[in-house]
Amino acid sequence: MQGSSIQFPTPSSGSALLDPFGRAITYLRVSVTDRCDFRCVYCMSEDMSFLPKRDLLSLEELDRVCTAFIDQGVRKLRITGGEPLVRRDIMSLFSSLSRHLESGALDELTVTTNGSQLARFAEELAACGVKRVNVSIDTLDPDKFHQITRWGNLSKVLQGLDAAQKAGLKVKINAVALKGVNEHEIESLMHWAHGRGMDLTLIEVMPLGEIDGLRVDQYLPLSTVRERLETRYTLHDLPDRTGGPARYVKVAETGGRLGFITPLTHNFCESCNRVRLTCTGQLFMCLGQEDAADLRAPLRASEDNALLTQAIADAIARKPKGHDFIIDRDHARPAVGRHMSMTGG
């Protein structure tokens, strides 16, 4: 295990955080870094300027904020980035947070990753109580994978998948549907994922942050993708929910699950139960809104959690009903100025 385990007391209460629309906030996504060892074309520019390390919450501070949320009823934590596994000593955070799984205060601790570091960390993640991971793979063509990620190596990611499954982790594949790039590979990607016992979730391009190029050229409606699939496959809608925005179907011909995340063709906000914490301590109540609450100031203002707990409650009271995502065809502007790597994917 890298680093020493962080020690904080286990929460004792479990009062629910309710937003203005009566939705219980039980899911926290935590970005531990805005840095990434890929430069995916739909996520960020190739020449990115990242945050100074001094602006980031320490691992101890991230643990303390997570614990404050768990104390108020959050039952699921997802660690994200950037690429979370490139943060130095990140396994000490997983190790420390695992105490909430052991106590029963937390139902699930998961991670979203590009897979580049999974071969290195899969066994340690499993030892910390992580049961499943989401891995982003948009194509199985090595050259195209490198083009999409700019810096990525598909063989290294596939080695990570092997290591994850060997360690007993359940793997879900996330793929961003890109017009004219991978839209004709979706069937083969689905067969590959289902053949390895992995779910596949397709995601529409989200208009977050300035990139090199135009998102209108990347955008592929998943309603179109589903229509195409239904000409060859039998798709049965499922009631399954994993705490996120995906809507699932079972593909009769493969026996596997296929998910659709459709922020543009179908607003998924009606049952939103999640908020996002950035690596600098900004809490975004909605992925598609600019409003954020500063949790770093109250966190550092006092050693007890009274100010932090109040700041969290005040923030949840401002959670909007839904996002305002739109692809701006007239001005080619992102709907939200910050990059996904800053918010946490």
Protein backbone atom coordinates (compact mmCIF):
# COMPACT_ATOMS: atom_id res chain seq x y z
CA MET A 1 0.00 0.00 0.00
CA GLN A 2 1.37 3.39 -0.98
CA GLY A 3 1.50 6.08 1.68
CA SER A 4 0.12 5.92 5.18
CA SER A 5 -3.55 5.48 5.86
CA ILE A 6 -5.39 8.69 6.78
CA GLN A 7 -7.24 8.50 10.07
CA PHE A 8 -10.53 10.27 10.81
CA PRO A 9 -13.43 9.22 13.02
CA THR A 10 -16.28 7.27 11.48
CA PRO A 11 -19.56 9.21 11.21
CA SER A 12 -22.38 8.26 13.49
CA SER A 13 -25.45 9.91 12.00
CA GLY A 14 -27.18 9.40 8.68
CA SER A 15 -29.61 12.29 8.16
CA ALA A 16 -30.56 12.76 4.51
CA LEU A 17 -29.61 15.81 2.46
CA LEU A 18 -32.72 16.92 0.60
CA ASP A 19 -32.65 19.41 -2.26
CA PRO A 20 -35.46 21.92 -2.95
CA PHE A 21 -37.27 19.33 -5.08
CA GLY A 22 -37.30 16.63 -2.43
CA ARG A 23 -34.49 14.57 -3.97
CA ALA A 24 -32.21 12.88 -1.42
CA ILE A 25 -28.55 13.49 -2.23
CA THR A 26 -26.91 10.13 -1.64
CA TYR A 27 -24.15 10.13 -4.28
CA LEU A 28 -20.97 12.22 -4.25
CA ARG A 29 -18.52 12.29 -7.14
CA VAL A 30 -15.11 13.51 -6.03
CA SER A 31 -12.44 14.79 -8.40
CA VAL A 32 -9.03 14.29 -6.81
CA THR A 33 -7.08 15.98 -9.62
CA ASP A 34 -7.69 17.89 -12.84
CA ARG A 35 -4.58 16.29 -14.38
CA CYS A 36 -4.70 13.42 -16.83
CA ASP A 37 -2.21 11.37 -18.81
CA PHE A 38 -4.57 11.46 -21.84
CA ARG A 39 -5.83 14.45 -23.84
CA CYS A 40 -9.12 13.15 -25.24
CA VAL A 41 -10.37 15.31 -28.09
CA TYR A 42 -13.88 15.75 -26.63
CA CYS A 43 -12.63 16.52 -23.12
CA MET A 44 -9.76 18.99 -23.32
CA SER A 45 -7.29 20.80 -25.50
CA GLU A 46 -3.93 19.17 -26.13
CA ASP A 47 -2.09 22.13 -24.59
CA MET A 48 -3.83 22.28 -21.22
CA SER A 49 -2.94 24.49 -18.26
CA PHE A 50 -3.59 22.61 -15.05
CA LEU A 51 -4.15 23.92 -11.56
CA PRO A 52 -1.13 24.62 -9.34
CA LYS A 53 -0.77 21.76 -6.89
CA ARG A 54 -1.00 24.20 -3.99
CA ASP A 55 -4.64 24.92 -4.94
CA LEU A 56 -5.69 21.31 -4.52
CA LEU A 57 -7.25 19.88 -1.40
CA SER A 58 -4.89 17.53 0.38
CA LEU A 59 -5.83 13.87 0.58
CA GLU A 60 -6.58 14.40 4.27
CA GLU A 61 -8.93 17.27 3.40
CA LEU A 62 -10.66 15.21 0.71
CA ASP A 63 -11.20 12.47 3.28
CA ARG A 64 -12.66 14.94 5.74
CA VAL A 65 -15.12 16.38 3.19
CA CYS A 66 -16.19 12.91 2.07
CA THR A 67 -16.75 11.92 5.68
CA ALA A 68 -18.88 15.03 6.27
CA PHE A 69 -21.08 14.03 3.33
CA ILE A 70 -21.32 10.44 4.55
CA ASP A 71 -22.32 11.78 7.96
CA GLN A 72 -25.25 13.53 6.23
CA GLY A 73 -26.50 10.52 4.32
CA VAL A 74 -24.33 10.05 1.23
CA ARG A 75 -24.11 6.30 0.54
CA LYS A 76 -22.00 6.18 -2.61
CA LEU A 77 -18.65 7.78 -3.43
CA ARG A 78 -17.10 7.81 -6.89
CA ILE A 79 -13.49 8.94 -7.19
CA THR A 80 -12.80 10.73 -10.47
CA GLY A 81 -10.37 13.15 -12.11
CA GLY A 82 -8.90 14.08 -14.55
CA GLU A 83 -7.36 10.68 -14.17
CA PRO A 84 -7.63 9.91 -10.44
CA LEU A 85 -4.98 7.20 -10.38
CA VAL A 86 -2.21 9.61 -11.44
CA ARG A 87 -2.50 11.55 -8.17
CA ARG A 88 0.43 10.84 -5.89
CA ASP A 89 -0.35 8.51 -2.97
CA ILE A 90 -3.98 8.20 -4.09
CA MET A 91 -4.26 4.71 -2.63
CA SER A 92 -3.94 6.12 0.87
CA LEU A 93 -7.24 7.93 0.28
CA PHE A 94 -8.95 4.74 -0.90
CA SER A 95 -7.50 2.89 2.09
CA SER A 96 -8.82 5.48 4.51
CA LEU A 97 -12.26 5.78 2.94
CA SER A 98 -12.65 2.01 3.08
CA ARG A 99 -13.36 2.30 6.82
CA HIS A 100 -16.82 3.63 5.92
CA LEU A 101 -17.52 0.46 3.94
CA GLU A 102 -16.44 -1.63 6.89
CA SER A 103 -18.68 0.32 9.28
CA GLY A 104 -21.69 0.13 6.94
CA ALA A 105 -21.95 3.91 6.67
CA LEU A 106 -21.09 3.71 2.96
CA ASP A 107 -22.62 1.29 0.45
CA GLU A 108 -20.14 1.71 -2.37
CA LEU A 109 -16.74 3.19 -3.19
CA THR A 110 -16.02 3.25 -6.92
CA VAL A 111 -13.68 4.88 -9.41
CA THR A 112 -13.86 6.16 -12.98
CA THR A 113 -10.56 5.80 -14.82
CA ASN A 114 -9.05 5.80 -18.29
CA GLY A 115 -7.45 2.47 -17.37
CA SER A 116 -3.85 3.53 -17.92
CA GLN A 117 -2.90 2.79 -14.29
CA LEU A 118 -5.21 -0.14 -13.60
CA ALA A 119 -2.56 -2.81 -14.07
CA ARG A 120 -0.65 -1.13 -11.26
CA PHE A 121 -3.49 -0.51 -8.83
CA ALA A 122 -6.25 -3.07 -9.46
CA GLU A 123 -5.33 -5.40 -6.58
CA GLU A 124 -4.97 -2.51 -4.12
CA LEU A 125 -8.35 -1.09 -5.16
CA ALA A 126 -9.98 -4.46 -4.55
CA ALA A 127 -8.25 -4.72 -1.17
CA CYS A 128 -9.77 -1.34 -0.23
CA GLY A 129 -13.29 -2.60 -0.86
CA VAL A 130 -13.77 -1.26 -4.37
CA LYS A 131 -16.07 -3.70 -6.17
CA ARG A 132 -16.36 -2.13 -9.60
CA VAL A 133 -14.69 0.42 -11.84
CA ASN A 134 -15.75 2.39 -14.89
CA VAL A 135 -13.19 2.47 -17.69
CA SER A 136 -13.38 4.84 -20.66
CA ILE A 137 -12.71 3.15 -24.02
CA ASP A 138 -14.15 4.73 -27.17
CA THR A 139 -12.65 2.39 -29.76
CA LEU A 140 -10.79 -0.91 -30.04
CA ASP A 141 -8.74 0.34 -32.99
CA PRO A 142 -5.25 1.11 -31.56
CA ASP A 143 -4.52 3.89 -34.04
CA LYS A 144 -7.92 5.51 -33.61
CA PHE A 145 -7.62 5.14 -29.83
CA HIS A 146 -4.37 7.10 -29.98
CA GLN A 147 -6.01 9.73 -32.18
CA ILE A 148 -8.95 10.18 -29.79
CA THR A 149 -6.86 10.20 -26.60
CA ARG A 150 -3.82 11.84 -28.25
CA TRP A 151 -1.48 10.30 -25.66
CA GLY A 152 -3.14 6.97 -24.86
CA ASN A 153 -1.94 3.41 -25.50
CA LEU A 154 -4.77 0.91 -25.99
CA SER A 155 -2.66 -2.16 -25.16
CA LYS A 156 -1.79 -0.67 -21.77
CA VAL A 157 -5.47 -0.04 -21.03
CA LEU A 158 -6.41 -3.58 -22.05
CA GLN A 159 -3.74 -4.91 -19.71
CA GLY A 160 -5.41 -2.85 -17.00
CA LEU A 161 -8.76 -4.44 -17.78
CA ASP A 162 -7.21 -7.90 -17.48
CA ALA A 163 -5.72 -6.95 -14.11
CA ALA A 164 -9.02 -5.51 -12.87
CA GLN A 165 -11.02 -8.60 -13.76
CA LYS A 166 -8.33 -10.87 -12.32
CA ALA A 167 -8.57 -8.89 -9.07
CA GLY A 168 -12.32 -9.53 -9.00
CA LEU A 169 -13.43 -6.03 -9.96
CA LYS A 170 -16.59 -5.69 -12.01
CA VAL A 171 -15.82 -3.49 -15.02
CA LYS A 172 -18.17 -1.20 -16.92
CA ILE A 173 -16.99 0.35 -20.17
CA ASN A 174 -17.91 3.96 -20.95
CA ALA A 175 -17.76 5.10 -24.57
CA VAL A 176 -18.46 8.59 -25.89
CA ALA A 177 -20.37 8.36 -29.16
CA LEU A 178 -18.53 10.48 -31.72
CA LYS A 179 -20.05 11.30 -35.07
CA GLY A 180 -17.92 10.06 -37.94
CA VAL A 181 -15.31 8.66 -35.54
CA ASN A 182 -16.61 5.59 -33.73
CA GLU A 183 -20.31 5.51 -34.62
CA HIS A 184 -19.85 2.45 -36.83
CA GLU A 185 -17.86 0.60 -34.14
CA ILE A 186 -20.57 0.63 -31.49
CA GLU A 187 -21.83 -2.86 -32.36
CA SER A 188 -18.37 -4.41 -32.25
CA LEU A 189 -17.60 -2.57 -28.99
CA MET A 190 -20.84 -3.92 -27.52
CA HIS A 191 -20.08 -7.50 -28.55
CA TRP A 192 -16.56 -7.22 -27.15
CA ALA A 193 -17.71 -5.79 -23.80
CA HIS A 194 -20.57 -8.24 -23.34
CA GLY A 195 -18.31 -11.12 -24.36
CA ARG A 196 -16.08 -10.23 -21.38
CA GLY A 197 -19.00 -9.88 -18.97
CA MET A 198 -18.80 -6.07 -18.96
CA ASP A 199 -21.63 -3.56 -19.30
CA LEU A 200 -21.23 -0.89 -21.97
CA THR A 201 -22.57 2.62 -21.49
CA LEU A 202 -22.74 5.05 -24.39
CA ILE A 203 -22.47 8.77 -23.63
CA GLU A 204 -23.39 11.80 -25.71
CA VAL A 205 -20.77 14.52 -26.11
CA MET A 206 -21.26 17.08 -23.34
CA PRO A 207 -20.68 20.80 -24.10
CA LEU A 208 -18.12 21.44 -21.35
CA GLY A 209 -15.03 23.61 -21.87
CA GLU A 210 -13.17 24.84 -24.93
CA ILE A 211 -11.59 22.14 -27.07
CA ASP A 212 -9.65 22.01 -30.34
CA GLY A 213 -12.46 21.80 -32.88
CA LEU A 214 -16.25 22.02 -32.78
CA ARG A 215 -18.50 19.83 -30.65
CA VAL A 216 -21.31 20.21 -33.18
CA ASP A 217 -19.10 18.13 -35.47
CA GLN A 218 -18.66 15.47 -32.75
CA TYR A 219 -22.27 15.25 -31.56
CA LEU A 220 -24.08 11.99 -32.31
CA PRO A 221 -27.59 11.70 -30.81
CA LEU A 222 -27.98 8.42 -28.97
CA SER A 223 -31.60 8.30 -30.10
CA THR A 224 -30.17 7.73 -33.59
CA VAL A 225 -27.76 5.10 -32.27
CA ARG A 226 -30.57 3.22 -30.55
CA GLU A 227 -32.72 3.31 -33.68
CA ARG A 228 -29.87 1.79 -35.68
CA LEU A 229 -29.27 -0.92 -33.10
CA GLU A 230 -32.96 -1.83 -32.98
CA THR A 231 -32.85 -2.79 -36.66
CA ARG A 232 -30.50 -5.67 -35.75
CA TYR A 233 -30.93 -6.33 -32.04
CA THR A 234 -33.72 -6.86 -29.54
CA LEU A 235 -33.45 -4.25 -26.79
CA HIS A 236 -35.49 -4.70 -23.61
CA ASP A 237 -35.77 -1.67 -21.32
CA LEU A 238 -34.60 -2.39 -17.78
CA PRO A 239 -35.57 -0.66 -14.52
CA ASP A 240 -31.93 -0.93 -13.36
CA ARG A 241 -30.36 2.14 -11.81
CA THR A 242 -26.76 2.41 -10.58
CA GLY A 243 -27.05 5.86 -8.97
CA GLY A 244 -26.15 7.64 -12.17
CA PRO A 245 -27.95 9.05 -15.22
CA ALA A 246 -27.69 5.93 -17.43
CA ARG A 247 -30.83 4.20 -18.67
CA TYR A 248 -30.25 0.52 -19.41
CA VAL A 249 -31.49 -2.06 -21.86
CA LYS A 250 -30.74 -5.76 -22.11
CA VAL A 251 -29.54 -6.89 -25.50
CA ALA A 252 -31.20 -10.24 -26.13
CA GLU A 253 -28.62 -11.39 -28.66
CA THR A 254 -25.61 -10.81 -26.38
CA GLY A 255 -27.21 -11.20 -22.95
CA GLY A 256 -25.46 -8.04 -21.76
CA ARG A 257 -26.55 -4.62 -20.54
CA LEU A 258 -26.24 -1.49 -22.65
CA GLY A 259 -26.60 1.94 -21.07
CA PHE A 260 -27.43 5.31 -22.61
CA ILE A 261 -26.45 8.65 -21.03
CA THR A 262 -28.32 11.31 -22.97
CA PRO A 263 -27.96 14.82 -21.52
CA LEU A 264 -28.96 16.41 -24.83
CA THR A 265 -31.58 14.15 -26.42
CA HIS A 266 -33.23 13.28 -23.08
CA ASN A 267 -32.84 15.31 -19.92
CA PHE A 268 -31.93 12.88 -17.13
CA CYS A 269 -32.36 15.26 -14.21
CA GLU A 270 -35.70 14.25 -12.71
CA SER A 271 -34.15 11.69 -10.36
CA CYS A 272 -30.74 13.32 -9.86
CA ASN A 273 -29.27 12.26 -6.53
CA ARG A 274 -25.67 13.46 -6.99
CA VAL A 275 -23.35 16.40 -6.55
CA ARG A 276 -19.72 16.88 -7.62
CA LEU A 277 -16.75 18.04 -5.58
CA THR A 278 -13.73 19.39 -7.43
CA CYS A 279 -10.16 18.89 -6.36
CA THR A 280 -10.07 22.51 -5.17
CA GLY A 281 -13.09 22.12 -2.90
CA GLN A 282 -15.75 23.63 -5.17
CA LEU A 283 -19.07 21.82 -4.93
CA PHE A 284 -21.11 21.79 -8.14
CA MET A 285 -24.73 20.96 -7.48
CA CYS A 286 -25.31 20.37 -11.22
CA LEU A 287 -22.90 19.31 -13.95
CA GLY A 288 -24.61 21.61 -16.44
CA GLN A 289 -24.71 24.78 -14.32
CA GLU A 290 -21.98 27.21 -13.30
CA ASP A 291 -23.21 27.70 -9.72
CA ALA A 292 -20.79 26.28 -7.16
CA ALA A 293 -20.24 26.46 -3.42
CA ASP A 294 -16.81 26.90 -1.85
CA LEU A 295 -16.20 24.16 0.71
CA ARG A 296 -12.47 24.77 1.02
CA ALA A 297 -12.88 27.97 3.06
CA PRO A 298 -15.13 26.48 5.78
CA LEU A 299 -13.04 23.30 5.74
CA ARG A 300 -9.89 25.24 6.57
CA ALA A 301 -11.52 27.78 8.88
CA SER A 302 -12.10 25.32 11.71
CA GLU A 303 -10.93 21.92 12.89
CA ASP A 304 -14.48 20.82 13.64
CA ASN A 305 -17.06 20.30 10.90
CA ALA A 306 -19.79 22.72 11.97
CA LEU A 307 -19.00 25.32 9.29
CA LEU A 308 -18.42 22.65 6.65
CA THR A 309 -21.67 20.87 7.44
CA GLN A 310 -23.60 24.14 7.20
CA ALA A 311 -21.93 25.03 3.91
CA ILE A 312 -22.93 21.65 2.46
CA ALA A 313 -26.53 22.09 3.59
CA ASP A 314 -26.68 25.62 2.15
CA ALA A 315 -25.29 24.36 -1.16
CA ILE A 316 -27.79 21.51 -1.47
CA ALA A 317 -30.57 24.05 -0.87
CA ARG A 318 -29.46 25.71 -4.14
CA LYS A 319 -29.45 22.56 -6.27
CA PRO A 320 -31.37 23.32 -9.49
CA LYS A 321 -34.05 21.14 -11.01
CA GLY A 322 -31.98 20.38 -14.10
CA HIS A 323 -29.16 21.33 -16.43
CA ASP A 324 -29.14 23.69 -19.41
CA PHE A 325 -26.98 21.66 -21.81
CA ILE A 326 -27.25 22.63 -25.47
CA ILE A 327 -24.93 22.35 -28.44
CA ASP A 328 -24.56 25.97 -29.63
CA ARG A 329 -24.54 25.61 -33.41
CA ASP A 330 -24.57 29.35 -34.04
CA HIS A 331 -21.58 30.38 -31.96
CA ALA A 332 -19.76 27.07 -31.32
CA ARG A 333 -19.60 27.91 -27.61
CA PRO A 334 -19.59 25.32 -24.83
CA ALA A 335 -22.69 25.44 -22.64
CA VAL A 336 -20.37 25.51 -19.60
CA GLY A 337 -16.92 27.06 -19.65
CA ARG A 338 -15.10 24.63 -17.36
CA HIS A 339 -13.66 21.37 -18.70
CA MET A 340 -15.00 17.99 -17.58
CA SER A 341 -11.54 17.23 -16.16
CA MET A 342 -12.00 20.16 -13.77
CA THR A 343 -15.44 19.11 -12.56
CA GLY A 344 -14.86 15.39 -12.38
CA GLY A 345 -16.09 13.05 -15.09
